[in-house]
Amino acid sequence: MKHFLLLYGLSVGTFAAFIFPEKTKTESIEAGAEIYQDFCVQCHLPTGVGVSGVFPPLKDSDFLRNNIDISIAGLKYGLKGKIVVNDEEYNGIMASQGLDNEEIADVMNYILNSWGNSYTGQITTEQVELISETILPTE
């Protein structure tokens, strides 16, 4: 029975991967643009420049480029406390937006490839799934 359940689980997982393949980077960026408009634009603005001292920029952000895993964790779990972005200190709270792993991957791909940002890789749902709350900075 154990072997049957193992074989069944592997079959279902393989079938699901075949039926629901990972999005291409372009598809992910397109989906991320919609998510950004729904969840992020209010604070980080349509141009990704944020509001100095209040909401950090996503456009040309050294923090984002150098802390992708922390940025993913911030979307997944929320982020509070001091961070420094482009030599400016921010000490606020970003609540978790309630996005699922696929939505987080999509919006990260959008942000990392918008407003002059360029990221050669692709954030995947599996990468987001592996991100832990423990990597967030503490005050």
Protein backbone atom coordinates (compact mmCIF):
# COMPACT_ATOMS: atom_id res chain seq x y z
CA MET A 1 0.00 0.00 0.00
CA LYS A 2 2.87 2.38 0.82
CA HIS A 3 4.38 1.78 -2.60
CA PHE A 4 1.05 2.43 -4.28
CA LEU A 5 0.63 5.74 -2.43
CA LEU A 6 4.19 6.79 -3.28
CA LEU A 7 3.71 5.90 -6.95
CA TYR A 8 0.34 7.67 -6.97
CA GLY A 9 1.82 10.82 -5.42
CA LEU A 10 4.67 10.91 -7.92
CA SER A 11 2.25 10.38 -10.80
CA VAL A 12 -0.04 13.20 -9.69
CA GLY A 13 2.93 15.54 -9.17
CA THR A 14 4.36 14.75 -12.59
CA PHE A 15 0.96 15.15 -14.23
CA ALA A 16 0.40 18.50 -12.50
CA ALA A 17 3.81 19.76 -13.61
CA PHE A 18 2.97 18.77 -17.18
CA ILE A 19 -0.50 20.37 -17.09
CA PHE A 20 0.58 23.50 -15.15
CA PRO A 21 4.13 24.28 -16.32
CA GLU A 22 6.06 27.22 -14.85
CA LYS A 23 5.29 30.46 -16.61
CA THR A 24 7.84 31.94 -18.95
CA LYS A 25 9.61 35.02 -17.65
CA THR A 26 7.58 37.21 -20.03
CA GLU A 27 4.28 35.69 -18.84
CA SER A 28 5.35 36.14 -15.22
CA ILE A 29 6.26 39.81 -15.78
CA GLU A 30 2.90 40.45 -17.47
CA ALA A 31 1.02 38.86 -14.56
CA GLY A 32 3.22 40.76 -12.10
CA ALA A 33 2.30 44.09 -13.70
CA GLU A 34 -1.35 43.50 -12.77
CA ILE A 35 -0.44 42.46 -9.23
CA TYR A 36 1.75 45.56 -8.86
CA GLN A 37 -1.18 47.76 -9.91
CA ASP A 38 -3.46 46.07 -7.37
CA PHE A 39 -1.14 45.86 -4.37
CA CYS A 40 2.01 47.98 -4.69
CA VAL A 41 1.33 51.10 -6.72
CA GLN A 42 -0.31 52.97 -3.82
CA CYS A 43 2.97 53.19 -1.93
CA HIS A 44 5.71 52.67 -4.50
CA LEU A 45 3.91 54.69 -7.21
CA PRO A 46 3.43 53.82 -10.90
CA THR A 47 7.06 54.73 -11.62
CA GLY A 48 8.52 52.64 -8.78
CA VAL A 49 10.20 55.69 -7.22
CA GLY A 50 8.41 55.40 -3.88
CA VAL A 51 8.19 58.35 -1.48
CA SER A 52 11.47 59.56 -0.01
CA GLY A 53 11.80 58.65 3.67
CA VAL A 54 8.46 56.84 3.72
CA PHE A 55 8.18 54.19 0.98
CA PRO A 56 11.48 53.01 -0.51
CA PRO A 57 12.07 53.10 -4.25
CA LEU A 58 11.95 49.92 -6.30
CA LYS A 59 13.40 51.67 -9.33
CA ASP A 60 17.19 51.36 -9.31
CA SER A 61 17.09 50.06 -5.72
CA ASP A 62 20.41 48.80 -4.38
CA PHE A 63 18.54 47.08 -1.52
CA LEU A 64 16.36 45.15 -3.95
CA ARG A 65 19.31 44.12 -6.15
CA ASN A 66 21.41 42.99 -3.20
CA ASN A 67 18.66 41.43 -1.06
CA ILE A 68 16.32 39.53 -3.36
CA ASP A 69 15.55 36.83 -0.78
CA ILE A 70 14.80 39.44 1.91
CA SER A 71 12.60 41.31 -0.57
CA ILE A 72 10.69 38.10 -1.34
CA ALA A 73 10.32 37.41 2.40
CA GLY A 74 9.07 40.97 2.89
CA LEU A 75 6.29 40.38 0.36
CA LYS A 76 5.50 36.99 1.85
CA TYR A 77 5.56 37.85 5.55
CA GLY A 78 5.68 41.64 5.71
CA LEU A 79 8.67 43.78 6.61
CA LYS A 80 9.30 46.13 9.50
CA GLY A 81 12.27 47.91 10.90
CA LYS A 82 15.19 49.81 9.50
CA ILE A 83 16.47 49.23 5.98
CA VAL A 84 18.77 51.42 3.91
CA VAL A 85 17.94 51.92 0.25
CA ASN A 86 20.22 53.98 -1.98
CA ASP A 87 21.87 55.51 1.12
CA GLU A 88 18.53 56.62 2.59
CA GLU A 89 17.13 55.08 5.76
CA TYR A 90 13.57 53.76 5.92
CA ASN A 91 12.03 52.57 9.18
CA GLY A 92 8.45 51.63 8.51
CA ILE A 93 6.12 48.70 8.18
CA MET A 94 5.04 46.90 5.04
CA ALA A 95 2.26 44.50 5.89
CA SER A 96 2.04 41.13 4.19
CA GLN A 97 -0.19 41.59 1.18
CA GLY A 98 -1.63 38.07 1.34
CA LEU A 99 -0.16 37.07 -2.01
CA ASP A 100 0.42 33.42 -2.84
CA ASN A 101 3.83 32.15 -3.93
CA GLU A 102 3.05 32.43 -7.64
CA GLU A 103 1.83 36.02 -7.26
CA ILE A 104 4.97 36.92 -5.29
CA ALA A 105 7.19 35.41 -8.00
CA ASP A 106 5.27 37.30 -10.69
CA VAL A 107 5.40 40.69 -8.98
CA MET A 108 9.09 40.23 -8.15
CA ASN A 109 9.80 39.44 -11.81
CA TYR A 110 7.88 42.56 -12.81
CA ILE A 111 9.71 44.81 -10.32
CA LEU A 112 13.13 43.36 -11.14
CA ASN A 113 12.56 44.07 -14.85
CA SER A 114 10.80 47.46 -14.80
CA TRP A 115 11.84 51.13 -14.68
CA GLY A 116 15.33 50.35 -15.96
CA ASN A 117 15.85 47.42 -13.54
CA SER A 118 17.25 44.35 -15.27
CA TYR A 119 17.43 40.88 -13.75
CA THR A 120 18.71 38.09 -15.95
CA GLY A 121 17.26 35.28 -13.86
CA GLN A 122 13.66 34.43 -13.11
CA ILE A 123 12.05 34.23 -9.68
CA THR A 124 10.09 30.98 -9.49
CA THR A 125 7.28 29.82 -7.25
CA GLU A 126 9.63 27.13 -5.92
CA GLN A 127 12.17 29.79 -4.93
CA VAL A 128 9.46 31.78 -3.14
CA GLU A 129 8.21 28.64 -1.42
CA LEU A 130 11.67 28.02 0.06
CA ILE A 131 11.97 31.53 1.53
CA SER A 132 11.71 31.53 5.30
CA GLU A 133 10.57 34.24 7.68
CA THR A 134 13.88 33.81 9.52
CA ILE A 135 15.86 35.66 6.83
CA LEU A 136 14.13 38.98 7.51
CA PRO A 137 16.34 41.66 9.08
CA THR A 138 15.77 42.46 12.72
CA GLU A 139 16.04 45.88 14.31
